[in-house]
Each structure stands twice: as C-alpha cells, then as structure tokens.
PDB file of N, CA and C in Angstrom:
ATOM      1  N   UNK A   1       4.983  25.990   4.840  1.00  0.00           N
ATOM      2  CA  UNK A   1       4.041  25.180   4.084  1.00  0.00           C
ATOM      3  C   UNK A   1       4.489  23.723   4.103  1.00  0.00           C
ATOM      4  N   UNK A   2       3.545  22.853   4.276  1.00  0.00           N
ATOM      5  CA  UNK A   2       3.812  21.412   4.331  1.00  0.00           C
ATOM      6  C   UNK A   2       4.002  20.879   2.912  1.00  0.00           C
ATOM      7  N   UNK A   3       5.054  20.095   2.713  1.00  0.00           N
ATOM      8  CA  UNK A   3       5.307  19.504   1.401  1.00  0.00           C
ATOM      9  C   UNK A   3       4.969  18.014   1.425  1.00  0.00           C
ATOM     10  N   UNK A   4       4.853  17.436   0.242  1.00  0.00           N
ATOM     11  CA  UNK A   4       4.633  15.992   0.134  1.00  0.00           C
ATOM     12  C   UNK A   4       5.757  15.239   0.836  1.00  0.00           C
ATOM     13  N   UNK A   5       6.976  15.727   0.672  1.00  0.00           N
ATOM     14  CA  UNK A   5       8.142  15.061   1.262  1.00  0.00           C
ATOM     15  C   UNK A   5       8.101  15.097   2.786  1.00  0.00           C
ATOM     16  N   UNK A   6       7.598  16.186   3.370  1.00  0.00           N
ATOM     17  CA  UNK A   6       7.452  16.263   4.834  1.00  0.00           C
ATOM     18  C   UNK A   6       6.538  15.153   5.340  1.00  0.00           C
ATOM     19  N   UNK A   7       5.390  14.999   4.694  1.00  0.00           N
ATOM     20  CA  UNK A   7       4.408  13.995   5.120  1.00  0.00           C
ATOM     21  C   UNK A   7       4.927  12.595   4.832  1.00  0.00           C
ATOM     22  N   UNK A   8       5.566  12.411   3.677  1.00  0.00           N
ATOM     23  CA  UNK A   8       6.133  11.100   3.338  1.00  0.00           C
ATOM     24  C   UNK A   8       7.213  10.708   4.348  1.00  0.00           C
ATOM     25  N   UNK A   9       8.070  11.631   4.711  1.00  0.00           N
ATOM     26  CA  UNK A   9       9.111  11.349   5.708  1.00  0.00           C
ATOM     27  C   UNK A   9       8.498  10.978   7.047  1.00  0.00           C
ATOM     28  N   UNK A  10       7.432  11.689   7.420  1.00  0.00           N
ATOM     29  CA  UNK A  10       6.740  11.383   8.667  1.00  0.00           C
ATOM     30  C   UNK A  10       6.214   9.941   8.655  1.00  0.00           C
ATOM     31  N   UNK A  11       5.516   9.548   7.586  1.00  0.00           N
ATOM     32  CA  UNK A  11       4.960   8.201   7.513  1.00  0.00           C
ATOM     33  C   UNK A  11       6.060   7.146   7.439  1.00  0.00           C
ATOM     34  N   UNK A  12       7.154   7.435   6.741  1.00  0.00           N
ATOM     35  CA  UNK A  12       8.267   6.478   6.675  1.00  0.00           C
ATOM     36  C   UNK A  12       8.884   6.276   8.055  1.00  0.00           C
ATOM     37  N   UNK A  13       8.941   7.347   8.853  1.00  0.00           N
ATOM     38  CA  UNK A  13       9.525   7.258  10.185  1.00  0.00           C
ATOM     39  C   UNK A  13       8.596   6.531  11.157  1.00  0.00           C
ATOM     40  N   UNK A  14       7.295   6.760  11.046  1.00  0.00           N
ATOM     41  CA  UNK A  14       6.333   6.232  12.016  1.00  0.00           C
ATOM     42  C   UNK A  14       5.881   4.802  11.730  1.00  0.00           C
ATOM     43  N   UNK A  15       5.787   4.428  10.476  1.00  0.00           N
ATOM     44  CA  UNK A  15       5.306   3.082  10.138  1.00  0.00           C
ATOM     45  C   UNK A  15       6.466   2.095  10.077  1.00  0.00           C
ATOM     46  N   UNK A  16       6.222   0.855  10.474  1.00  0.00           N
ATOM     47  CA  UNK A  16       7.276  -0.159  10.327  1.00  0.00           C
ATOM     48  C   UNK A  16       7.603  -0.355   8.847  1.00  0.00           C
ATOM     49  N   UNK A  17       8.871  -0.552   8.547  1.00  0.00           N
ATOM     50  CA  UNK A  17       9.253  -0.736   7.145  1.00  0.00           C
ATOM     51  C   UNK A  17       9.013  -2.181   6.724  1.00  0.00           C
ATOM     52  N   UNK A  18       8.888  -2.360   5.418  1.00  0.00           N
ATOM     53  CA  UNK A  18       8.685  -3.694   4.845  1.00  0.00           C
ATOM     54  C   UNK A  18       9.940  -4.085   4.083  1.00  0.00           C
ATOM     55  N   UNK A  19      10.077  -5.388   3.860  1.00  0.00           N
ATOM     56  CA  UNK A  19      11.237  -5.890   3.117  1.00  0.00           C
ATOM     57  C   UNK A  19      10.777  -6.905   2.085  1.00  0.00           C
ATOM     58  N   UNK A  20      11.584  -7.044   1.021  1.00  0.00           N
ATOM     59  CA  UNK A  20      11.269  -8.031  -0.002  1.00  0.00           C
ATOM     60  C   UNK A  20      11.886  -9.378   0.384  1.00  0.00           C
ATOM     61  N   UNK A  21      11.831 -10.332  -0.524  1.00  0.00           N
ATOM     62  CA  UNK A  21      12.333 -11.684  -0.245  1.00  0.00           C
ATOM     63  C   UNK A  21      13.832 -11.711   0.066  1.00  0.00           C
ATOM     64  N   UNK A  22      14.569 -10.730  -0.445  1.00  0.00           N
ATOM     65  CA  UNK A  22      16.012 -10.661  -0.196  1.00  0.00           C
ATOM     66  C   UNK A  22      16.329  -9.768   1.001  1.00  0.00           C
ATOM     67  N   UNK A  23      15.277  -9.405   1.775  1.00  0.00           N
ATOM     68  CA  UNK A  23      15.380  -8.557   2.961  1.00  0.00           C
ATOM     69  C   UNK A  23      15.843  -7.137   2.644  1.00  0.00           C
ATOM     70  N   UNK A  24      15.625  -6.731   1.405  1.00  0.00           N
ATOM     71  CA  UNK A  24      15.915  -5.351   1.019  1.00  0.00           C
ATOM     72  C   UNK A  24      14.689  -4.511   1.377  1.00  0.00           C
ATOM     73  N   UNK A  25      14.911  -3.380   2.046  1.00  0.00           N
ATOM     74  CA  UNK A  25      13.807  -2.535   2.488  1.00  0.00           C
ATOM     75  C   UNK A  25      13.011  -1.990   1.305  1.00  0.00           C
ATOM     76  N   UNK A  26      11.686  -1.998   1.446  1.00  0.00           N
ATOM     77  CA  UNK A  26      10.791  -1.445   0.440  1.00  0.00           C
ATOM     78  C   UNK A  26      10.324  -0.085   0.963  1.00  0.00           C
ATOM     79  N   UNK A  27      10.830   1.014   0.404  1.00  0.00           N
ATOM     80  CA  UNK A  27      10.435   2.328   0.918  1.00  0.00           C
ATOM     81  C   UNK A  27       8.990   2.664   0.554  1.00  0.00           C
ATOM     82  N   UNK A  28       8.317   3.307   1.474  1.00  0.00           N
ATOM     83  CA  UNK A  28       6.946   3.747   1.267  1.00  0.00           C
ATOM     84  C   UNK A  28       6.947   4.897   0.263  1.00  0.00           C
ATOM     85  N   UNK A  29       6.026   4.864  -0.708  1.00  0.00           N
ATOM     86  CA  UNK A  29       5.900   5.927  -1.697  1.00  0.00           C
ATOM     87  C   UNK A  29       4.625   6.730  -1.479  1.00  0.00           C
ATOM     88  N   UNK A  30       4.522   7.859  -2.166  1.00  0.00           N
ATOM     89  CA  UNK A  30       3.358   8.743  -2.029  1.00  0.00           C
ATOM     90  C   UNK A  30       2.051   8.066  -2.383  1.00  0.00           C
ATOM     91  N   UNK A  31       2.062   7.221  -3.381  1.00  0.00           N
ATOM     92  CA  UNK A  31       0.825   6.613  -3.871  1.00  0.00           C
ATOM     93  C   UNK A  31       0.660   5.153  -3.478  1.00  0.00           C
ATOM     94  N   UNK A  32       1.517   4.655  -2.586  1.00  0.00           N
ATOM     95  CA  UNK A  32       1.353   3.282  -2.101  1.00  0.00           C
ATOM     96  C   UNK A  32       0.105   3.201  -1.224  1.00  0.00           C
ATOM     97  N   UNK A  33      -0.568   2.082  -1.296  1.00  0.00           N
ATOM     98  CA  UNK A  33      -1.775   1.876  -0.498  1.00  0.00           C
ATOM     99  C   UNK A  33      -1.349   1.539   0.932  1.00  0.00           C
ATOM    100  N   UNK A  34      -1.712   2.409   1.853  1.00  0.00           N
ATOM    101  CA  UNK A  34      -1.288   2.234   3.244  1.00  0.00           C
ATOM    102  C   UNK A  34      -1.871   0.978   3.884  1.00  0.00           C
ATOM    103  N   UNK A  35      -3.063   0.574   3.462  1.00  0.00           N
ATOM    104  CA  UNK A  35      -3.667  -0.638   4.022  1.00  0.00           C
ATOM    105  C   UNK A  35      -2.842  -1.878   3.687  1.00  0.00           C
ATOM    106  N   UNK A  36      -2.113  -1.848   2.570  1.00  0.00           N
ATOM    107  CA  UNK A  36      -1.270  -2.974   2.183  1.00  0.00           C
ATOM    108  C   UNK A  36       0.134  -2.855   2.764  1.00  0.00           C
ATOM    109  N   UNK A  37       0.524  -1.651   3.118  1.00  0.00           N
ATOM    110  CA  UNK A  37       1.876  -1.422   3.616  1.00  0.00           C
ATOM    111  C   UNK A  37       2.000  -1.697   5.108  1.00  0.00           C
ATOM    112  N   UNK A  38       0.962  -1.347   5.886  1.00  0.00           N
ATOM    113  CA  UNK A  38       1.042  -1.468   7.341  1.00  0.00           C
ATOM    114  C   UNK A  38      -0.220  -2.106   7.908  1.00  0.00           C
ATOM    115  N   UNK A  39      -0.078  -2.689   9.078  1.00  0.00           N
ATOM    116  CA  UNK A  39      -1.216  -3.253   9.801  1.00  0.00           C
ATOM    117  C   UNK A  39      -2.145  -2.128  10.239  1.00  0.00           C
ATOM    118  N   UNK A  40      -3.411  -2.434  10.390  1.00  0.00           N
ATOM    119  CA  UNK A  40      -4.409  -1.431  10.767  1.00  0.00           C
ATOM    120  C   UNK A  40      -4.070  -0.771  12.105  1.00  0.00           C
ATOM    121  N   UNK A  41      -3.595  -1.533  13.068  1.00  0.00           N
ATOM    122  CA  UNK A  41      -3.254  -0.969  14.375  1.00  0.00           C
ATOM    123  C   UNK A  41      -2.136   0.069  14.260  1.00  0.00           C
ATOM    124  N   UNK A  42      -1.100  -0.261  13.489  1.00  0.00           N
ATOM    125  CA  UNK A  42       0.009   0.673  13.283  1.00  0.00           C
ATOM    126  C   UNK A  42      -0.473   1.926  12.560  1.00  0.00           C
ATOM    127  N   UNK A  43      -1.357   1.736  11.616  1.00  0.00           N
ATOM    128  CA  UNK A  43      -1.868   2.856  10.827  1.00  0.00           C
ATOM    129  C   UNK A  43      -2.696   3.812  11.685  1.00  0.00           C
ATOM    130  N   UNK A  44      -3.523   3.281  12.564  1.00  0.00           N
ATOM    131  CA  UNK A  44      -4.340   4.126  13.439  1.00  0.00           C
ATOM    132  C   UNK A  44      -3.452   4.956  14.369  1.00  0.00           C
ATOM    133  N   UNK A  45      -2.441   4.334  14.939  1.00  0.00           N
ATOM    134  CA  UNK A  45      -1.512   5.058  15.818  1.00  0.00           C
ATOM    135  C   UNK A  45      -0.808   6.166  15.046  1.00  0.00           C
ATOM    136  N   UNK A  46      -0.372   5.860  13.832  1.00  0.00           N
ATOM    137  CA  UNK A  46       0.327   6.853  13.003  1.00  0.00           C
ATOM    138  C   UNK A  46      -0.599   7.992  12.602  1.00  0.00           C
ATOM    139  N   UNK A  47      -1.853   7.697  12.294  1.00  0.00           N
ATOM    140  CA  UNK A  47      -2.810   8.743  11.930  1.00  0.00           C
ATOM    141  C   UNK A  47      -3.034   9.686  13.111  1.00  0.00           C
ATOM    142  N   UNK A  48      -3.089   9.150  14.320  1.00  0.00           N
ATOM    143  CA  UNK A  48      -3.240  10.004  15.495  1.00  0.00           C
ATOM    144  C   UNK A  48      -2.017  10.898  15.709  1.00  0.00           C
ATOM    145  N   UNK A  49      -0.818  10.372  15.448  1.00  0.00           N
ATOM    146  CA  UNK A  49       0.397  11.182  15.535  1.00  0.00           C
ATOM    147  C   UNK A  49       0.426  12.231  14.427  1.00  0.00           C
ATOM    148  N   UNK A  50      -0.097  11.880  13.265  1.00  0.00           N
ATOM    149  CA  UNK A  50      -0.202  12.816  12.132  1.00  0.00           C
ATOM    150  C   UNK A  50      -1.053  14.017  12.536  1.00  0.00           C
ATOM    151  N   UNK A  51      -2.142  13.764  13.261  1.00  0.00           N
ATOM    152  CA  UNK A  51      -3.013  14.831  13.759  1.00  0.00           C
ATOM    153  C   UNK A  51      -2.209  15.816  14.593  1.00  0.00           C
ATOM    154  N   UNK A  52      -1.391  15.301  15.511  1.00  0.00           N
ATOM    155  CA  UNK A  52      -0.582  16.157  16.373  1.00  0.00           C
ATOM    156  C   UNK A  52       0.498  16.897  15.583  1.00  0.00           C
ATOM    157  N   UNK A  53       1.136  16.199  14.661  1.00  0.00           N
ATOM    158  CA  UNK A  53       2.254  16.776  13.903  1.00  0.00           C
ATOM    159  C   UNK A  53       1.812  17.854  12.918  1.00  0.00           C
ATOM    160  N   UNK A  54       0.714  17.606  12.201  1.00  0.00           N
ATOM    161  CA  UNK A  54       0.308  18.503  11.121  1.00  0.00           C
ATOM    162  C   UNK A  54      -0.972  19.283  11.425  1.00  0.00           C
ATOM    163  N   UNK A  55      -1.517  19.081  12.624  1.00  0.00           N
ATOM    164  CA  UNK A  55      -2.699  19.820  13.076  1.00  0.00           C
ATOM    165  C   UNK A  55      -3.882  19.676  12.109  1.00  0.00           C
ATOM    166  N   UNK A  56      -4.161  18.436  11.734  1.00  0.00           N
ATOM    167  CA  UNK A  56      -5.305  18.113  10.885  1.00  0.00           C
ATOM    168  C   UNK A  56      -6.268  17.277  11.721  1.00  0.00           C
ATOM    169  N   UNK A  57      -7.511  17.682  11.790  1.00  0.00           N
ATOM    170  CA  UNK A  57      -8.510  16.970  12.577  1.00  0.00           C
ATOM    171  C   UNK A  57      -8.813  15.623  11.930  1.00  0.00           C
ATOM    172  N   UNK A  58      -8.285  14.547  12.532  1.00  0.00           N
ATOM    173  CA  UNK A  58      -8.468  13.221  11.956  1.00  0.00           C
ATOM    174  C   UNK A  58      -9.798  12.591  12.362  1.00  0.00           C
ATOM    175  N   UNK A  59     -10.550  13.264  13.212  1.00  0.00           N
ATOM    176  CA  UNK A  59     -11.862  12.722  13.580  1.00  0.00           C
ATOM    177  C   UNK A  59     -12.809  12.726  12.380  1.00  0.00           C
ATOM    178  N   UNK A  60     -12.459  13.481  11.342  1.00  0.00           N
ATOM    179  CA  UNK A  60     -13.266  13.516  10.119  1.00  0.00           C
ATOM    180  C   UNK A  60     -13.030  12.289   9.235  1.00  0.00           C
ATOM    181  N   UNK A  61     -11.988  11.507   9.532  1.00  0.00           N
ATOM    182  CA  UNK A  61     -11.688  10.311   8.744  1.00  0.00           C
ATOM    183  C   UNK A  61     -12.633   9.195   9.167  1.00  0.00           C
ATOM    184  N   UNK A  62     -13.393   8.691   8.226  1.00  0.00           N
ATOM    185  CA  UNK A  62     -14.290   7.569   8.481  1.00  0.00           C
ATOM    186  C   UNK A  62     -13.595   6.297   7.993  1.00  0.00           C
ATOM    187  N   UNK A  63     -12.982   5.563   8.910  1.00  0.00           N
ATOM    188  CA  UNK A  63     -12.218   4.372   8.530  1.00  0.00           C
ATOM    189  C   UNK A  63     -13.083   3.278   7.929  1.00  0.00           C
ATOM    190  N   UNK A  64     -14.386   3.352   8.128  1.00  0.00           N
ATOM    191  CA  UNK A  64     -15.286   2.368   7.501  1.00  0.00           C
ATOM    192  C   UNK A  64     -15.247   2.473   5.976  1.00  0.00           C
ATOM    193  N   UNK A  65     -14.850   3.628   5.451  1.00  0.00           N
ATOM    194  CA  UNK A  65     -14.727   3.799   3.999  1.00  0.00           C
ATOM    195  C   UNK A  65     -13.470   3.120   3.452  1.00  0.00           C
ATOM    196  N   UNK A  66     -12.519   2.810   4.333  1.00  0.00           N
ATOM    197  CA  UNK A  66     -11.224   2.282   3.907  1.00  0.00           C
ATOM    198  C   UNK A  66     -10.962   0.841   4.346  1.00  0.00           C
ATOM    199  N   UNK A  67     -11.854   0.294   5.160  1.00  0.00           N
ATOM    200  CA  UNK A  67     -11.748  -1.091   5.627  1.00  0.00           C
ATOM    201  C   UNK A  67     -13.094  -1.761   5.499  1.00  0.00           C
ATOM    202  N   UNK A  68     -13.200  -3.045   5.248  1.00  0.00           N
ATOM    203  CA  UNK A  68     -12.114  -4.023   5.180  1.00  0.00           C
ATOM    204  C   UNK A  68     -11.319  -3.881   3.876  1.00  0.00           C
ATOM    205  N   UNK A  69     -10.085  -4.290   3.920  1.00  0.00           N
ATOM    206  CA  UNK A  69      -9.190  -4.230   2.777  1.00  0.00           C
ATOM    207  C   UNK A  69      -8.643  -5.623   2.508  1.00  0.00           C
ATOM    208  N   UNK A  70      -8.791  -6.082   1.285  1.00  0.00           N
ATOM    209  CA  UNK A  70      -8.278  -7.391   0.884  1.00  0.00           C
ATOM    210  C   UNK A  70      -6.792  -7.274   0.552  1.00  0.00           C
ATOM    211  N   UNK A  71      -5.962  -8.002   1.261  1.00  0.00           N
ATOM    212  CA  UNK A  71      -4.527  -8.034   0.984  1.00  0.00           C
ATOM    213  C   UNK A  71      -4.290  -9.139  -0.044  1.00  0.00           C
ATOM    214  N   UNK A  72      -3.713  -8.794  -1.200  1.00  0.00           N
ATOM    215  CA  UNK A  72      -3.492  -9.840  -2.208  1.00  0.00           C
ATOM    216  C   UNK A  72      -2.444 -10.859  -1.749  1.00  0.00           C
ATOM    217  N   UNK A  73      -2.699 -12.091  -2.074  1.00  0.00           N
ATOM    218  CA  UNK A  73      -1.776 -13.174  -1.793  1.00  0.00           C
ATOM    219  C   UNK A  73      -0.471 -12.899  -2.534  1.00  0.00           C
ATOM    220  N   UNK A  74       0.670 -13.123  -1.888  1.00  0.00           N
ATOM    221  CA  UNK A  74       1.975 -12.787  -2.460  1.00  0.00           C
ATOM    222  C   UNK A  74       2.198 -13.408  -3.844  1.00  0.00           C
ATOM    223  N   UNK A  75       1.819 -14.662  -4.047  1.00  0.00           N
ATOM    224  CA  UNK A  75       2.069 -15.356  -5.306  1.00  0.00           C
ATOM    225  C   UNK A  75       0.960 -15.150  -6.337  1.00  0.00           C
ATOM    226  N   UNK A  76      -0.040 -14.367  -5.996  1.00  0.00           N
ATOM    227  CA  UNK A  76      -1.212 -14.166  -6.864  1.00  0.00           C
ATOM    228  C   UNK A  76      -0.821 -13.700  -8.269  1.00  0.00           C
ATOM    229  N   UNK A  77       0.137 -12.780  -8.343  1.00  0.00           N
ATOM    230  CA  UNK A  77       0.522 -12.210  -9.638  1.00  0.00           C
ATOM    231  C   UNK A  77       1.074 -13.257 -10.614  1.00  0.00           C
ATOM    232  N   UNK A  78       1.531 -14.398 -10.088  1.00  0.00           N
ATOM    233  CA  UNK A  78       2.058 -15.444 -10.958  1.00  0.00           C
ATOM    234  C   UNK A  78       0.961 -16.405 -11.419  1.00  0.00           C
ATOM    235  N   UNK A  79      -0.185 -16.360 -10.777  1.00  0.00           N
ATOM    236  CA  UNK A  79      -1.248 -17.293 -11.112  1.00  0.00           C
ATOM    237  C   UNK A  79      -2.434 -16.672 -11.825  1.00  0.00           C
ATOM    238  N   UNK A  80      -2.606 -15.368 -11.715  1.00  0.00           N
ATOM    239  CA  UNK A  80      -3.737 -14.725 -12.374  1.00  0.00           C
ATOM    240  C   UNK A  80      -3.425 -13.261 -12.671  1.00  0.00           C
ATOM    241  N   UNK A  81      -3.971 -12.782 -13.755  1.00  0.00           N
ATOM    242  CA  UNK A  81      -3.838 -11.366 -14.112  1.00  0.00           C
ATOM    243  C   UNK A  81      -5.087 -10.592 -13.704  1.00  0.00           C
ATOM    244  N   UNK A  82      -6.104 -11.337 -13.260  1.00  0.00           N
ATOM    245  CA  UNK A  82      -7.367 -10.729 -12.872  1.00  0.00           C
ATOM    246  C   UNK A  82      -7.155  -9.825 -11.649  1.00  0.00           C
ATOM    247  N   UNK A  83      -7.583  -8.566 -11.705  1.00  0.00           N
ATOM    248  CA  UNK A  83      -7.379  -7.670 -10.566  1.00  0.00           C
ATOM    249  C   UNK A  83      -8.243  -8.075  -9.376  1.00  0.00           C
ATOM    250  N   UNK A  84      -7.746  -7.781  -8.202  1.00  0.00           N
ATOM    251  CA  UNK A  84      -8.478  -8.045  -6.973  1.00  0.00           C
ATOM    252  C   UNK A  84      -9.516  -6.946  -6.788  1.00  0.00           C
ATOM    253  N   UNK A  85     -10.773  -7.322  -6.632  1.00  0.00           N
ATOM    254  CA  UNK A  85     -11.843  -6.330  -6.476  1.00  0.00           C
ATOM    255  C   UNK A  85     -11.930  -5.888  -5.024  1.00  0.00           C
ATOM    256  N   UNK A  86     -11.662  -4.611  -4.796  1.00  0.00           N
ATOM    257  CA  UNK A  86     -11.737  -4.046  -3.456  1.00  0.00           C
ATOM    258  C   UNK A  86     -13.099  -3.393  -3.262  1.00  0.00           C
ATOM    259  N   UNK A  87     -13.651  -3.534  -2.069  1.00  0.00           N
ATOM    260  CA  UNK A  87     -14.917  -2.886  -1.753  1.00  0.00           C
ATOM    261  C   UNK A  87     -14.685  -1.564  -1.030  1.00  0.00           C
ATOM    262  N   UNK A  88     -13.463  -1.315  -0.616  1.00  0.00           N
ATOM    263  CA  UNK A  88     -13.116  -0.098   0.111  1.00  0.00           C
ATOM    264  C   UNK A  88     -12.147   0.744  -0.706  1.00  0.00           C
ATOM    265  N   UNK A  89     -12.036   2.007  -0.323  1.00  0.00           N
ATOM    266  CA  UNK A  89     -11.132   2.926  -1.023  1.00  0.00           C
ATOM    267  C   UNK A  89      -9.723   2.853  -0.438  1.00  0.00           C
ATOM    268  N   UNK A  90      -8.708   3.102  -1.260  1.00  0.00           N
ATOM    269  CA  UNK A  90      -7.339   3.082  -0.747  1.00  0.00           C
ATOM    270  C   UNK A  90      -6.993   4.380  -0.011  1.00  0.00           C
ATOM    271  N   UNK A  91      -6.163   4.259   1.012  1.00  0.00           N
ATOM    272  CA  UNK A  91      -5.585   5.399   1.714  1.00  0.00           C
ATOM    273  C   UNK A  91      -4.147   5.534   1.242  1.00  0.00           C
ATOM    274  N   UNK A  92      -3.731   6.733   0.875  1.00  0.00           N
ATOM    275  CA  UNK A  92      -2.357   6.947   0.431  1.00  0.00           C
ATOM    276  C   UNK A  92      -1.738   8.108   1.191  1.00  0.00           C
ATOM    277  N   UNK A  93      -0.427   8.179   1.162  1.00  0.00           N
ATOM    278  CA  UNK A  93       0.286   9.288   1.795  1.00  0.00           C
ATOM    279  C   UNK A  93      -0.083  10.593   1.096  1.00  0.00           C
ATOM    280  N   UNK A  94      -0.298  10.544  -0.206  1.00  0.00           N
ATOM    281  CA  UNK A  94      -0.666  11.753  -0.956  1.00  0.00           C
ATOM    282  C   UNK A  94      -1.959  12.372  -0.398  1.00  0.00           C
ATOM    283  N   UNK A  95      -2.915  11.540   0.001  1.00  0.00           N
ATOM    284  CA  UNK A  95      -4.162  12.045   0.582  1.00  0.00           C
ATOM    285  C   UNK A  95      -3.871  12.818   1.872  1.00  0.00           C
ATOM    286  N   UNK A  96      -2.968  12.274   2.679  1.00  0.00           N
ATOM    287  CA  UNK A  96      -2.606  12.936   3.928  1.00  0.00           C
ATOM    288  C   UNK A  96      -1.809  14.214   3.669  1.00  0.00           C
ATOM    289  N   UNK A  97      -0.953  14.212   2.647  1.00  0.00           N
ATOM    290  CA  UNK A  97      -0.173  15.407   2.314  1.00  0.00           C
ATOM    291  C   UNK A  97      -1.084  16.534   1.828  1.00  0.00           C
ATOM    292  N   UNK A  98      -2.027  16.218   0.965  1.00  0.00           N
ATOM    293  CA  UNK A  98      -2.953  17.238   0.464  1.00  0.00           C
ATOM    294  C   UNK A  98      -3.819  17.780   1.600  1.00  0.00           C
ATOM    295  N   UNK A  99      -4.225  16.913   2.509  1.00  0.00           N
ATOM    296  CA  UNK A  99      -5.033  17.349   3.656  1.00  0.00           C
ATOM    297  C   UNK A  99      -4.212  18.220   4.606  1.00  0.00           C
ATOM    298  N   UNK A 100      -2.931  17.883   4.781  1.00  0.00           N
ATOM    299  CA  UNK A 100      -2.078  18.708   5.649  1.00  0.00           C
ATOM    300  C   UNK A 100      -1.912  20.108   5.090  1.00  0.00           C
ATOM    301  N   UNK A 101      -1.782  20.215   3.770  1.00  0.00           N
ATOM    302  CA  UNK A 101      -1.675  21.554   3.149  1.00  0.00           C
ATOM    303  C   UNK A 101      -2.974  22.339   3.294  1.00  0.00           C
ATOM    304  N   UNK A 102      -4.112  21.650   3.224  1.00  0.00           N
ATOM    305  CA  UNK A 102      -5.418  22.307   3.331  1.00  0.00           C
ATOM    306  C   UNK A 102      -5.789  22.590   4.781  1.00  0.00           C
ATOM    307  N   UNK A 103      -5.160  21.860   5.733  1.00  0.00           N
ATOM    308  CA  UNK A 103      -5.459  22.067   7.134  1.00  0.00           C
ATOM    309  C   UNK A 103      -6.674  21.303   7.631  1.00  0.00           C
ATOM    310  N   UNK A 104      -7.233  20.437   6.798  1.00  0.00           N
ATOM    311  CA  UNK A 104      -8.384  19.621   7.175  1.00  0.00           C
ATOM    312  C   UNK A 104      -8.404  18.384   6.281  1.00  0.00           C
ATOM    313  N   UNK A 105      -9.123  17.347   6.735  1.00  0.00           N
ATOM    314  CA  UNK A 105      -9.225  16.113   5.948  1.00  0.00           C
ATOM    315  C   UNK A 105     -10.112  16.370   4.750  1.00  0.00           C
ATOM    316  N   UNK A 106      -9.594  16.134   3.548  1.00  0.00           N
ATOM    317  CA  UNK A 106     -10.293  16.470   2.296  1.00  0.00           C
ATOM    318  C   UNK A 106     -11.152  15.345   1.734  1.00  0.00           C
ATOM    319  N   UNK A 107     -11.035  14.151   2.275  1.00  0.00           N
ATOM    320  CA  UNK A 107     -11.713  12.995   1.683  1.00  0.00           C
ATOM    321  C   UNK A 107     -12.815  12.501   2.598  1.00  0.00           C
ATOM    322  N   UNK A 108     -13.734  11.728   2.101  1.00  0.00           N
ATOM    323  CA  UNK A 108     -14.903  11.155   2.786  1.00  0.00           C
ATOM    324  C   UNK A 108     -16.119  11.960   2.501  1.00  0.00           C
TER     325      UNK A 108
END
C-alpha cells in the first residue's frame, strides 16, 4: 500500500529543492502548494514520472484547473495582510498521495 511518505519522498526527490535567504533548504511538505514550490515545467515532468511510479493515469488531470497560478511577491507579507486571490485550485502532494492509494486521479 502506498503511504503519504512514499509519495512525499518521491516528490522531494524529483522536484528541485528550494532554499531560504540563508540558503537553508526548505523541505516540501504534504500540504505545500506545488505551483509555488516548483516551476510548471518541472512539475509536469514529475507528474509524468509519478504516473510511471505509482501507476495512476495522469491524463485525467486537467491542468487548466490549476493554472494560471499567482506567485506571491516575497516581501508581500510585510506590506499587506490581504490574502492573494487565486483563480485556480492548489495542487498538493496530499492530493497525489490519496490518488495513488485509490489507483486513479480523484480530483477534477
């Protein structure tokens, strides 16, 4: 049976890691928004590898539901508390983990 940790480890291995201002690595979490963590090109390649690794038909994923995605400006949190209004839904590792356990894409 596929666990959340299996899928999280897969995404951590396949996606480029991010770092903070002190160059300390920011590990990817289950509920982190993948559109903010990785570039769209990297994400598409990783989703295709996910299909091979976990045998989930990714052709059911409609990326139009998840893009365009507004990336918040780094200093935004210091200038406004107003949330950024997204027109698209977030993609998370948890969504991929739940779909891997079900054997098919559960969202869209």
